[in-house]
Amino acid sequence: MDNVTRIGVSLEPELLDRFDELIALKRYATRSEAIRDLIRETLNRSHIADEESLAFGSITLVYEHHHSGVKERLMEIQHGHYAHISSSMHVHMDLERCLEVLVVSGTVREIKALADELASVKGVLLGVPILMSGSLPGVVPQGHDHPHVH
């Protein structure tokens, strides 16, 4: 924290009390840490609102593995989008359902389209994309033009 700028913030006592309760609940050591995270989260939301922004994240799928053709169709879609999928993890939830997590990168539009395509497969119960900015200071190292998983 050698290179930081200190700022002052004025808050109503009730708002500060509620914020301090949240800080305690989430176990932040300081208000500054909590405020930094809130700023990063807001900047991330703003960044991924632009469909052409570069992003990385995950697509989490829950599907019924015994459903006819679901595994094959999901694999076909993933192979068609191999440039956007860095990795995947498969978990057997129970005798009927599987959880699959794909690590993805690309534009927000590309990732959302992939998530929608996967979620629309018959037998998929849930398909949820989680997106992070590919270019926020303090989130991704500066100088990276495109998010990559190493």
N, C-alpha and C. Protein backbone atom coordinates (compact mmCIF):
# COMPACT_ATOMS: atom_id res chain seq x y z
N MET A 1 0.84 -1.19 0.00
CA MET A 1 0.00 0.00 0.00
C MET A 1 0.88 1.25 0.00
N ASP A 2 2.02 1.17 -0.67
CA ASP A 2 2.92 2.32 -0.73
C ASP A 2 2.33 3.48 -1.51
N ASN A 3 1.58 3.17 -2.54
CA ASN A 3 1.08 4.20 -3.43
C ASN A 3 -0.44 4.32 -3.31
N VAL A 4 -0.92 4.98 -2.28
CA VAL A 4 -2.35 5.16 -2.08
C VAL A 4 -2.67 6.64 -1.91
N THR A 5 -3.90 6.99 -2.23
CA THR A 5 -4.40 8.33 -2.01
C THR A 5 -5.47 8.25 -0.94
N ARG A 6 -5.38 9.06 0.05
CA ARG A 6 -6.38 9.07 1.11
C ARG A 6 -7.48 10.05 0.74
N ILE A 7 -8.73 9.64 1.01
CA ILE A 7 -9.89 10.49 0.74
C ILE A 7 -10.76 10.52 1.99
N GLY A 8 -11.62 11.50 2.07
CA GLY A 8 -12.58 11.58 3.16
C GLY A 8 -13.98 11.34 2.62
N VAL A 9 -14.80 10.71 3.41
CA VAL A 9 -16.17 10.41 3.00
C VAL A 9 -17.09 10.83 4.14
N SER A 10 -18.15 11.56 3.82
CA SER A 10 -19.14 11.97 4.82
C SER A 10 -20.37 11.09 4.67
N LEU A 11 -20.80 10.49 5.78
CA LEU A 11 -21.97 9.61 5.77
C LEU A 11 -22.88 9.94 6.95
N GLU A 12 -24.17 9.69 6.74
CA GLU A 12 -25.11 9.80 7.84
C GLU A 12 -24.79 8.71 8.86
N PRO A 13 -24.99 8.96 10.15
CA PRO A 13 -24.65 7.97 11.18
C PRO A 13 -25.35 6.62 10.97
N GLU A 14 -26.61 6.64 10.55
CA GLU A 14 -27.34 5.39 10.35
C GLU A 14 -26.73 4.58 9.21
N LEU A 15 -26.33 5.25 8.14
CA LEU A 15 -25.72 4.57 7.01
C LEU A 15 -24.37 3.98 7.42
N LEU A 16 -23.59 4.73 8.17
CA LEU A 16 -22.30 4.23 8.64
C LEU A 16 -22.48 3.03 9.57
N ASP A 17 -23.49 3.08 10.44
CA ASP A 17 -23.75 1.95 11.33
C ASP A 17 -24.07 0.69 10.53
N ARG A 18 -24.90 0.83 9.52
CA ARG A 18 -25.26 -0.33 8.68
C ARG A 18 -24.05 -0.84 7.91
N PHE A 19 -23.21 0.11 7.43
CA PHE A 19 -22.00 -0.27 6.72
C PHE A 19 -21.05 -1.02 7.65
N ASP A 20 -20.89 -0.54 8.87
CA ASP A 20 -20.03 -1.22 9.85
C ASP A 20 -20.55 -2.62 10.17
N GLU A 21 -21.86 -2.79 10.20
CA GLU A 21 -22.44 -4.11 10.42
C GLU A 21 -22.08 -5.05 9.27
N LEU A 22 -22.15 -4.53 8.04
CA LEU A 22 -21.78 -5.32 6.86
C LEU A 22 -20.29 -5.68 6.90
N ILE A 23 -19.46 -4.71 7.28
CA ILE A 23 -18.02 -4.94 7.38
C ILE A 23 -17.75 -6.07 8.38
N ALA A 24 -18.41 -6.04 9.50
CA ALA A 24 -18.23 -7.09 10.52
C ALA A 24 -18.71 -8.45 10.01
N LEU A 25 -19.87 -8.45 9.36
CA LEU A 25 -20.43 -9.68 8.82
C LEU A 25 -19.50 -10.32 7.80
N LYS A 26 -18.91 -9.50 6.94
CA LYS A 26 -18.02 -10.01 5.89
C LYS A 26 -16.57 -10.12 6.36
N ARG A 27 -16.33 -9.72 7.60
CA ARG A 27 -15.02 -9.88 8.25
C ARG A 27 -13.90 -9.07 7.60
N TYR A 28 -14.24 -7.88 7.14
CA TYR A 28 -13.19 -6.97 6.66
C TYR A 28 -12.40 -6.46 7.85
N ALA A 29 -11.10 -6.26 7.64
CA ALA A 29 -10.25 -5.73 8.71
C ALA A 29 -10.46 -4.23 8.87
N THR A 30 -10.75 -3.54 7.75
CA THR A 30 -10.90 -2.08 7.80
C THR A 30 -12.03 -1.63 6.87
N ARG A 31 -12.50 -0.43 7.12
CA ARG A 31 -13.48 0.18 6.22
C ARG A 31 -12.88 0.38 4.84
N SER A 32 -11.61 0.73 4.79
CA SER A 32 -10.94 0.97 3.50
C SER A 32 -11.00 -0.26 2.60
N GLU A 33 -10.76 -1.44 3.18
CA GLU A 33 -10.83 -2.66 2.39
C GLU A 33 -12.23 -2.86 1.82
N ALA A 34 -13.23 -2.63 2.61
CA ALA A 34 -14.62 -2.79 2.17
C ALA A 34 -14.96 -1.78 1.07
N ILE A 35 -14.54 -0.56 1.24
CA ILE A 35 -14.82 0.48 0.24
C ILE A 35 -14.11 0.15 -1.07
N ARG A 36 -12.86 -0.31 -1.01
CA ARG A 36 -12.14 -0.70 -2.23
C ARG A 36 -12.89 -1.78 -2.97
N ASP A 37 -13.39 -2.80 -2.23
CA ASP A 37 -14.13 -3.87 -2.87
C ASP A 37 -15.43 -3.37 -3.50
N LEU A 38 -16.12 -2.47 -2.81
CA LEU A 38 -17.36 -1.91 -3.37
C LEU A 38 -17.08 -1.13 -4.65
N ILE A 39 -15.98 -0.38 -4.67
CA ILE A 39 -15.61 0.38 -5.87
C ILE A 39 -15.29 -0.58 -7.01
N ARG A 40 -14.49 -1.61 -6.73
CA ARG A 40 -14.14 -2.59 -7.78
C ARG A 40 -15.40 -3.26 -8.33
N GLU A 41 -16.31 -3.64 -7.43
CA GLU A 41 -17.54 -4.29 -7.85
C GLU A 41 -18.37 -3.38 -8.75
N THR A 42 -18.48 -2.11 -8.38
CA THR A 42 -19.24 -1.15 -9.18
C THR A 42 -18.57 -0.92 -10.52
N LEU A 43 -17.25 -0.78 -10.54
CA LEU A 43 -16.53 -0.60 -11.80
C LEU A 43 -16.70 -1.83 -12.69
N ASN A 44 -16.66 -3.02 -12.10
CA ASN A 44 -16.84 -4.24 -12.86
C ASN A 44 -18.23 -4.27 -13.50
N ARG A 45 -19.27 -3.96 -12.71
CA ARG A 45 -20.64 -3.95 -13.24
C ARG A 45 -20.77 -2.97 -14.40
N SER A 46 -20.16 -1.80 -14.25
CA SER A 46 -20.20 -0.79 -15.30
C SER A 46 -19.49 -1.29 -16.55
N HIS A 47 -18.34 -1.92 -16.36
CA HIS A 47 -17.55 -2.40 -17.49
C HIS A 47 -18.29 -3.48 -18.27
N ILE A 48 -18.86 -4.45 -17.57
CA ILE A 48 -19.50 -5.56 -18.27
C ILE A 48 -20.88 -5.19 -18.81
N ALA A 49 -21.35 -3.99 -18.52
CA ALA A 49 -22.60 -3.52 -19.13
C ALA A 49 -22.38 -3.25 -20.62
N ASP A 50 -21.14 -3.02 -21.02
CA ASP A 50 -20.79 -2.82 -22.43
C ASP A 50 -20.57 -4.19 -23.06
N GLU A 51 -21.44 -4.58 -23.96
CA GLU A 51 -21.40 -5.91 -24.58
C GLU A 51 -20.10 -6.19 -25.34
N GLU A 52 -19.38 -5.15 -25.74
CA GLU A 52 -18.14 -5.34 -26.50
C GLU A 52 -16.90 -5.34 -25.61
N SER A 53 -17.07 -5.15 -24.30
CA SER A 53 -15.95 -5.17 -23.38
C SER A 53 -15.36 -6.57 -23.27
N LEU A 54 -14.05 -6.63 -23.06
CA LEU A 54 -13.41 -7.91 -22.81
C LEU A 54 -13.70 -8.33 -21.38
N ALA A 55 -13.94 -9.63 -21.22
CA ALA A 55 -14.30 -10.14 -19.91
C ALA A 55 -13.77 -11.55 -19.76
N PHE A 56 -13.74 -12.00 -18.53
CA PHE A 56 -13.47 -13.39 -18.23
C PHE A 56 -14.39 -13.80 -17.12
N GLY A 57 -14.49 -15.09 -16.88
CA GLY A 57 -15.37 -15.54 -15.82
C GLY A 57 -15.68 -17.01 -15.94
N SER A 58 -16.89 -17.35 -15.56
CA SER A 58 -17.29 -18.76 -15.59
C SER A 58 -18.74 -18.88 -16.06
N ILE A 59 -19.04 -20.04 -16.58
CA ILE A 59 -20.42 -20.42 -16.87
C ILE A 59 -20.65 -21.70 -16.08
N THR A 60 -21.63 -21.66 -15.18
CA THR A 60 -21.94 -22.82 -14.36
C THR A 60 -23.22 -23.45 -14.87
N LEU A 61 -23.15 -24.74 -15.14
CA LEU A 61 -24.29 -25.49 -15.66
C LEU A 61 -24.68 -26.60 -14.69
N VAL A 62 -25.96 -26.81 -14.53
CA VAL A 62 -26.47 -27.99 -13.84
C VAL A 62 -27.37 -28.69 -14.86
N TYR A 63 -27.09 -29.98 -15.06
CA TYR A 63 -27.91 -30.71 -16.04
C TYR A 63 -28.16 -32.15 -15.60
N GLU A 64 -29.21 -32.71 -16.18
CA GLU A 64 -29.58 -34.10 -15.93
C GLU A 64 -28.79 -34.96 -16.90
N HIS A 65 -27.80 -35.68 -16.40
CA HIS A 65 -26.88 -36.39 -17.30
C HIS A 65 -27.54 -37.54 -18.05
N HIS A 66 -28.63 -38.07 -17.52
CA HIS A 66 -29.31 -39.18 -18.20
C HIS A 66 -30.24 -38.72 -19.32
N HIS A 67 -30.44 -37.42 -19.41
CA HIS A 67 -31.33 -36.89 -20.46
C HIS A 67 -30.70 -37.19 -21.82
N SER A 68 -31.47 -37.69 -22.72
CA SER A 68 -30.99 -38.14 -24.02
C SER A 68 -30.23 -37.06 -24.79
N GLY A 69 -28.97 -37.31 -25.05
CA GLY A 69 -28.17 -36.44 -25.90
C GLY A 69 -27.63 -35.19 -25.24
N VAL A 70 -27.90 -34.93 -23.97
CA VAL A 70 -27.48 -33.68 -23.35
C VAL A 70 -25.96 -33.57 -23.29
N LYS A 71 -25.27 -34.62 -22.88
CA LYS A 71 -23.81 -34.57 -22.76
C LYS A 71 -23.17 -34.32 -24.13
N GLU A 72 -23.67 -35.00 -25.13
CA GLU A 72 -23.12 -34.87 -26.48
C GLU A 72 -23.35 -33.46 -27.02
N ARG A 73 -24.55 -32.92 -26.81
CA ARG A 73 -24.86 -31.57 -27.31
C ARG A 73 -24.01 -30.52 -26.59
N LEU A 74 -23.86 -30.64 -25.28
CA LEU A 74 -23.03 -29.69 -24.54
C LEU A 74 -21.58 -29.74 -25.04
N MET A 75 -21.07 -30.95 -25.27
CA MET A 75 -19.69 -31.09 -25.76
C MET A 75 -19.56 -30.50 -27.17
N GLU A 76 -20.54 -30.69 -28.00
CA GLU A 76 -20.52 -30.15 -29.36
C GLU A 76 -20.47 -28.61 -29.32
N ILE A 77 -21.28 -28.01 -28.48
CA ILE A 77 -21.29 -26.55 -28.34
C ILE A 77 -19.93 -26.07 -27.82
N GLN A 78 -19.41 -26.75 -26.80
CA GLN A 78 -18.13 -26.34 -26.24
C GLN A 78 -17.00 -26.44 -27.26
N HIS A 79 -17.00 -27.48 -28.05
CA HIS A 79 -15.97 -27.59 -29.09
C HIS A 79 -16.12 -26.49 -30.14
N GLY A 80 -17.34 -26.08 -30.40
CA GLY A 80 -17.58 -24.98 -31.34
C GLY A 80 -17.11 -23.63 -30.82
N HIS A 81 -16.92 -23.53 -29.52
CA HIS A 81 -16.48 -22.28 -28.88
C HIS A 81 -15.17 -22.47 -28.12
N TYR A 82 -14.33 -23.37 -28.62
CA TYR A 82 -13.10 -23.71 -27.90
C TYR A 82 -12.20 -22.51 -27.64
N ALA A 83 -12.25 -21.49 -28.50
CA ALA A 83 -11.39 -20.32 -28.33
C ALA A 83 -11.78 -19.49 -27.11
N HIS A 84 -13.00 -19.68 -26.63
CA HIS A 84 -13.49 -18.91 -25.48
C HIS A 84 -13.47 -19.70 -24.18
N ILE A 85 -13.19 -21.00 -24.26
CA ILE A 85 -13.22 -21.85 -23.07
C ILE A 85 -11.79 -22.28 -22.74
N SER A 86 -11.32 -21.85 -21.57
CA SER A 86 -9.96 -22.17 -21.15
C SER A 86 -9.88 -23.49 -20.40
N SER A 87 -10.94 -23.80 -19.66
CA SER A 87 -10.90 -24.98 -18.81
C SER A 87 -12.32 -25.36 -18.41
N SER A 88 -12.48 -26.58 -17.95
CA SER A 88 -13.79 -26.99 -17.43
C SER A 88 -13.59 -27.97 -16.28
N MET A 89 -14.61 -28.03 -15.45
CA MET A 89 -14.62 -28.96 -14.32
C MET A 89 -15.99 -29.62 -14.28
N HIS A 90 -16.00 -30.91 -14.07
CA HIS A 90 -17.25 -31.68 -14.05
C HIS A 90 -17.39 -32.34 -12.69
N VAL A 91 -18.57 -32.19 -12.07
CA VAL A 91 -18.83 -32.77 -10.75
C VAL A 91 -20.15 -33.54 -10.81
N HIS A 92 -20.15 -34.73 -10.25
CA HIS A 92 -21.39 -35.52 -10.14
C HIS A 92 -22.09 -35.10 -8.85
N MET A 93 -23.21 -34.42 -8.99
CA MET A 93 -23.94 -33.93 -7.82
C MET A 93 -24.67 -35.05 -7.10
N ASP A 94 -25.30 -35.91 -7.88
CA ASP A 94 -26.02 -37.06 -7.35
C ASP A 94 -26.20 -38.03 -8.50
N LEU A 95 -27.10 -39.01 -8.36
CA LEU A 95 -27.29 -40.01 -9.41
C LEU A 95 -27.89 -39.43 -10.69
N GLU A 96 -28.53 -38.28 -10.59
CA GLU A 96 -29.25 -37.71 -11.72
C GLU A 96 -28.60 -36.47 -12.33
N ARG A 97 -27.93 -35.67 -11.49
CA ARG A 97 -27.49 -34.35 -11.95
C ARG A 97 -25.97 -34.19 -11.90
N CYS A 98 -25.50 -33.38 -12.87
CA CYS A 98 -24.09 -33.02 -12.94
C CYS A 98 -23.96 -31.51 -12.90
N LEU A 99 -22.83 -31.06 -12.36
CA LEU A 99 -22.47 -29.65 -12.32
C LEU A 99 -21.24 -29.52 -13.20
N GLU A 100 -21.26 -28.57 -14.10
CA GLU A 100 -20.11 -28.31 -14.95
C GLU A 100 -19.79 -26.82 -14.88
N VAL A 101 -18.53 -26.49 -14.68
CA VAL A 101 -18.08 -25.11 -14.62
C VAL A 101 -17.08 -24.90 -15.73
N LEU A 102 -17.36 -23.92 -16.60
CA LEU A 102 -16.46 -23.57 -17.69
C LEU A 102 -15.79 -22.26 -17.36
N VAL A 103 -14.48 -22.18 -17.52
CA VAL A 103 -13.75 -20.93 -17.38
C VAL A 103 -13.66 -20.33 -18.78
N VAL A 104 -14.15 -19.09 -18.91
CA VAL A 104 -14.32 -18.50 -20.23
C VAL A 104 -13.70 -17.11 -20.33
N SER A 105 -13.43 -16.69 -21.58
CA SER A 105 -12.98 -15.33 -21.84
C SER A 105 -13.46 -14.93 -23.23
N GLY A 106 -13.57 -13.63 -23.44
CA GLY A 106 -14.04 -13.09 -24.71
C GLY A 106 -14.77 -11.79 -24.44
N THR A 107 -15.55 -11.35 -25.41
CA THR A 107 -16.36 -10.16 -25.15
C THR A 107 -17.56 -10.58 -24.31
N VAL A 108 -18.14 -9.62 -23.65
CA VAL A 108 -19.34 -9.88 -22.85
C VAL A 108 -20.41 -10.52 -23.74
N ARG A 109 -20.58 -9.99 -24.94
CA ARG A 109 -21.58 -10.53 -25.87
C ARG A 109 -21.30 -12.01 -26.19
N GLU A 110 -20.03 -12.35 -26.46
CA GLU A 110 -19.68 -13.73 -26.80
C GLU A 110 -19.94 -14.67 -25.64
N ILE A 111 -19.56 -14.25 -24.44
CA ILE A 111 -19.74 -15.11 -23.27
C ILE A 111 -21.22 -15.30 -22.97
N LYS A 112 -22.00 -14.23 -23.05
CA LYS A 112 -23.45 -14.36 -22.79
C LYS A 112 -24.11 -15.24 -23.84
N ALA A 113 -23.70 -15.10 -25.10
CA ALA A 113 -24.27 -15.93 -26.16
C ALA A 113 -23.95 -17.41 -25.93
N LEU A 114 -22.72 -17.69 -25.52
CA LEU A 114 -22.34 -19.07 -25.22
C LEU A 114 -23.15 -19.60 -24.04
N ALA A 115 -23.28 -18.81 -23.00
CA ALA A 115 -24.06 -19.23 -21.83
C ALA A 115 -25.51 -19.50 -22.22
N ASP A 116 -26.09 -18.63 -23.03
CA ASP A 116 -27.48 -18.83 -23.47
C ASP A 116 -27.62 -20.09 -24.31
N GLU A 117 -26.66 -20.33 -25.20
CA GLU A 117 -26.72 -21.52 -26.05
C GLU A 117 -26.63 -22.79 -25.20
N LEU A 118 -25.73 -22.80 -24.24
CA LEU A 118 -25.59 -23.97 -23.37
C LEU A 118 -26.83 -24.16 -22.50
N ALA A 119 -27.36 -23.07 -21.94
CA ALA A 119 -28.52 -23.16 -21.05
C ALA A 119 -29.78 -23.62 -21.78
N SER A 120 -29.83 -23.40 -23.09
CA SER A 120 -31.03 -23.75 -23.85
C SER A 120 -31.08 -25.23 -24.25
N VAL A 121 -30.03 -25.97 -23.98
CA VAL A 121 -30.00 -27.40 -24.33
C VAL A 121 -31.00 -28.14 -23.45
N LYS A 122 -31.78 -28.98 -24.08
CA LYS A 122 -32.78 -29.77 -23.35
C LYS A 122 -32.06 -30.69 -22.37
N GLY A 123 -32.46 -30.60 -21.10
CA GLY A 123 -31.82 -31.37 -20.04
C GLY A 123 -30.97 -30.51 -19.13
N VAL A 124 -30.64 -29.28 -19.59
CA VAL A 124 -29.92 -28.34 -18.74
C VAL A 124 -30.93 -27.66 -17.83
N LEU A 125 -30.70 -27.73 -16.54
CA LEU A 125 -31.62 -27.15 -15.57
C LEU A 125 -31.27 -25.71 -15.24
N LEU A 126 -29.98 -25.39 -15.32
CA LEU A 126 -29.51 -24.06 -14.95
C LEU A 126 -28.23 -23.75 -15.69
N GLY A 127 -28.12 -22.52 -16.17
CA GLY A 127 -26.90 -22.06 -16.82
C GLY A 127 -26.65 -20.62 -16.41
N VAL A 128 -25.60 -20.37 -15.63
CA VAL A 128 -25.37 -19.05 -15.05
C VAL A 128 -23.98 -18.54 -15.40
N PRO A 129 -23.89 -17.42 -16.14
CA PRO A 129 -22.57 -16.82 -16.37
C PRO A 129 -22.22 -15.84 -15.25
N ILE A 130 -20.97 -15.84 -14.85
CA ILE A 130 -20.43 -14.87 -13.90
C ILE A 130 -19.31 -14.16 -14.64
N LEU A 131 -19.45 -12.85 -14.83
CA LEU A 131 -18.50 -12.10 -15.65
C LEU A 131 -17.69 -11.11 -14.83
N MET A 132 -16.42 -11.02 -15.17
CA MET A 132 -15.49 -10.07 -14.56
C MET A 132 -14.84 -9.27 -15.69
N SER A 133 -14.58 -8.02 -15.41
CA SER A 133 -13.90 -7.17 -16.38
C SER A 133 -12.53 -7.74 -16.70
N GLY A 134 -12.14 -7.62 -17.94
CA GLY A 134 -10.81 -8.03 -18.34
C GLY A 134 -9.80 -6.92 -18.27
N SER A 135 -10.22 -5.74 -17.77
CA SER A 135 -9.28 -4.61 -17.83
C SER A 135 -9.37 -3.61 -16.68
N LEU A 136 -9.88 -4.00 -15.54
CA LEU A 136 -9.97 -3.05 -14.43
C LEU A 136 -8.65 -2.96 -13.68
N PRO A 137 -8.17 -1.76 -13.40
CA PRO A 137 -6.97 -1.63 -12.57
C PRO A 137 -7.21 -2.27 -11.21
N GLY A 138 -6.23 -3.00 -10.73
CA GLY A 138 -6.37 -3.65 -9.43
C GLY A 138 -7.10 -4.98 -9.50
N VAL A 139 -7.61 -5.34 -10.69
CA VAL A 139 -8.28 -6.62 -10.86
C VAL A 139 -7.48 -7.50 -11.82
N VAL A 140 -7.07 -6.95 -12.94
CA VAL A 140 -6.27 -7.66 -13.93
C VAL A 140 -5.01 -6.84 -14.16
N PRO A 141 -3.85 -7.49 -14.22
CA PRO A 141 -2.61 -6.72 -14.42
C PRO A 141 -2.68 -5.86 -15.66
N GLN A 142 -2.20 -4.63 -15.53
CA GLN A 142 -2.18 -3.68 -16.64
C GLN A 142 -1.32 -4.25 -17.76
N GLY A 143 -1.68 -3.93 -19.00
CA GLY A 143 -0.91 -4.37 -20.15
C GLY A 143 -1.43 -5.64 -20.78
N HIS A 144 -2.39 -6.30 -20.17
CA HIS A 144 -2.99 -7.48 -20.77
C HIS A 144 -4.15 -7.03 -21.64
N ASP A 145 -4.02 -7.25 -22.94
CA ASP A 145 -5.05 -6.81 -23.88
C ASP A 145 -6.27 -7.73 -23.85
N HIS A 146 -6.08 -8.97 -23.49
CA HIS A 146 -7.16 -9.93 -23.51
C HIS A 146 -6.99 -10.85 -22.32
N PRO A 147 -8.08 -11.18 -21.62
CA PRO A 147 -7.94 -12.05 -20.47
C PRO A 147 -7.57 -13.47 -20.89
N HIS A 148 -6.63 -14.05 -20.19
CA HIS A 148 -6.24 -15.44 -20.41
C HIS A 148 -6.08 -16.12 -19.06
N VAL A 149 -6.38 -17.37 -19.03
CA VAL A 149 -6.16 -18.14 -17.82
C VAL A 149 -4.81 -18.84 -17.97
N HIS A 150 -3.96 -18.74 -16.97
CA HIS A 150 -2.64 -19.37 -17.03
C HIS A 150 -2.57 -20.51 -16.07
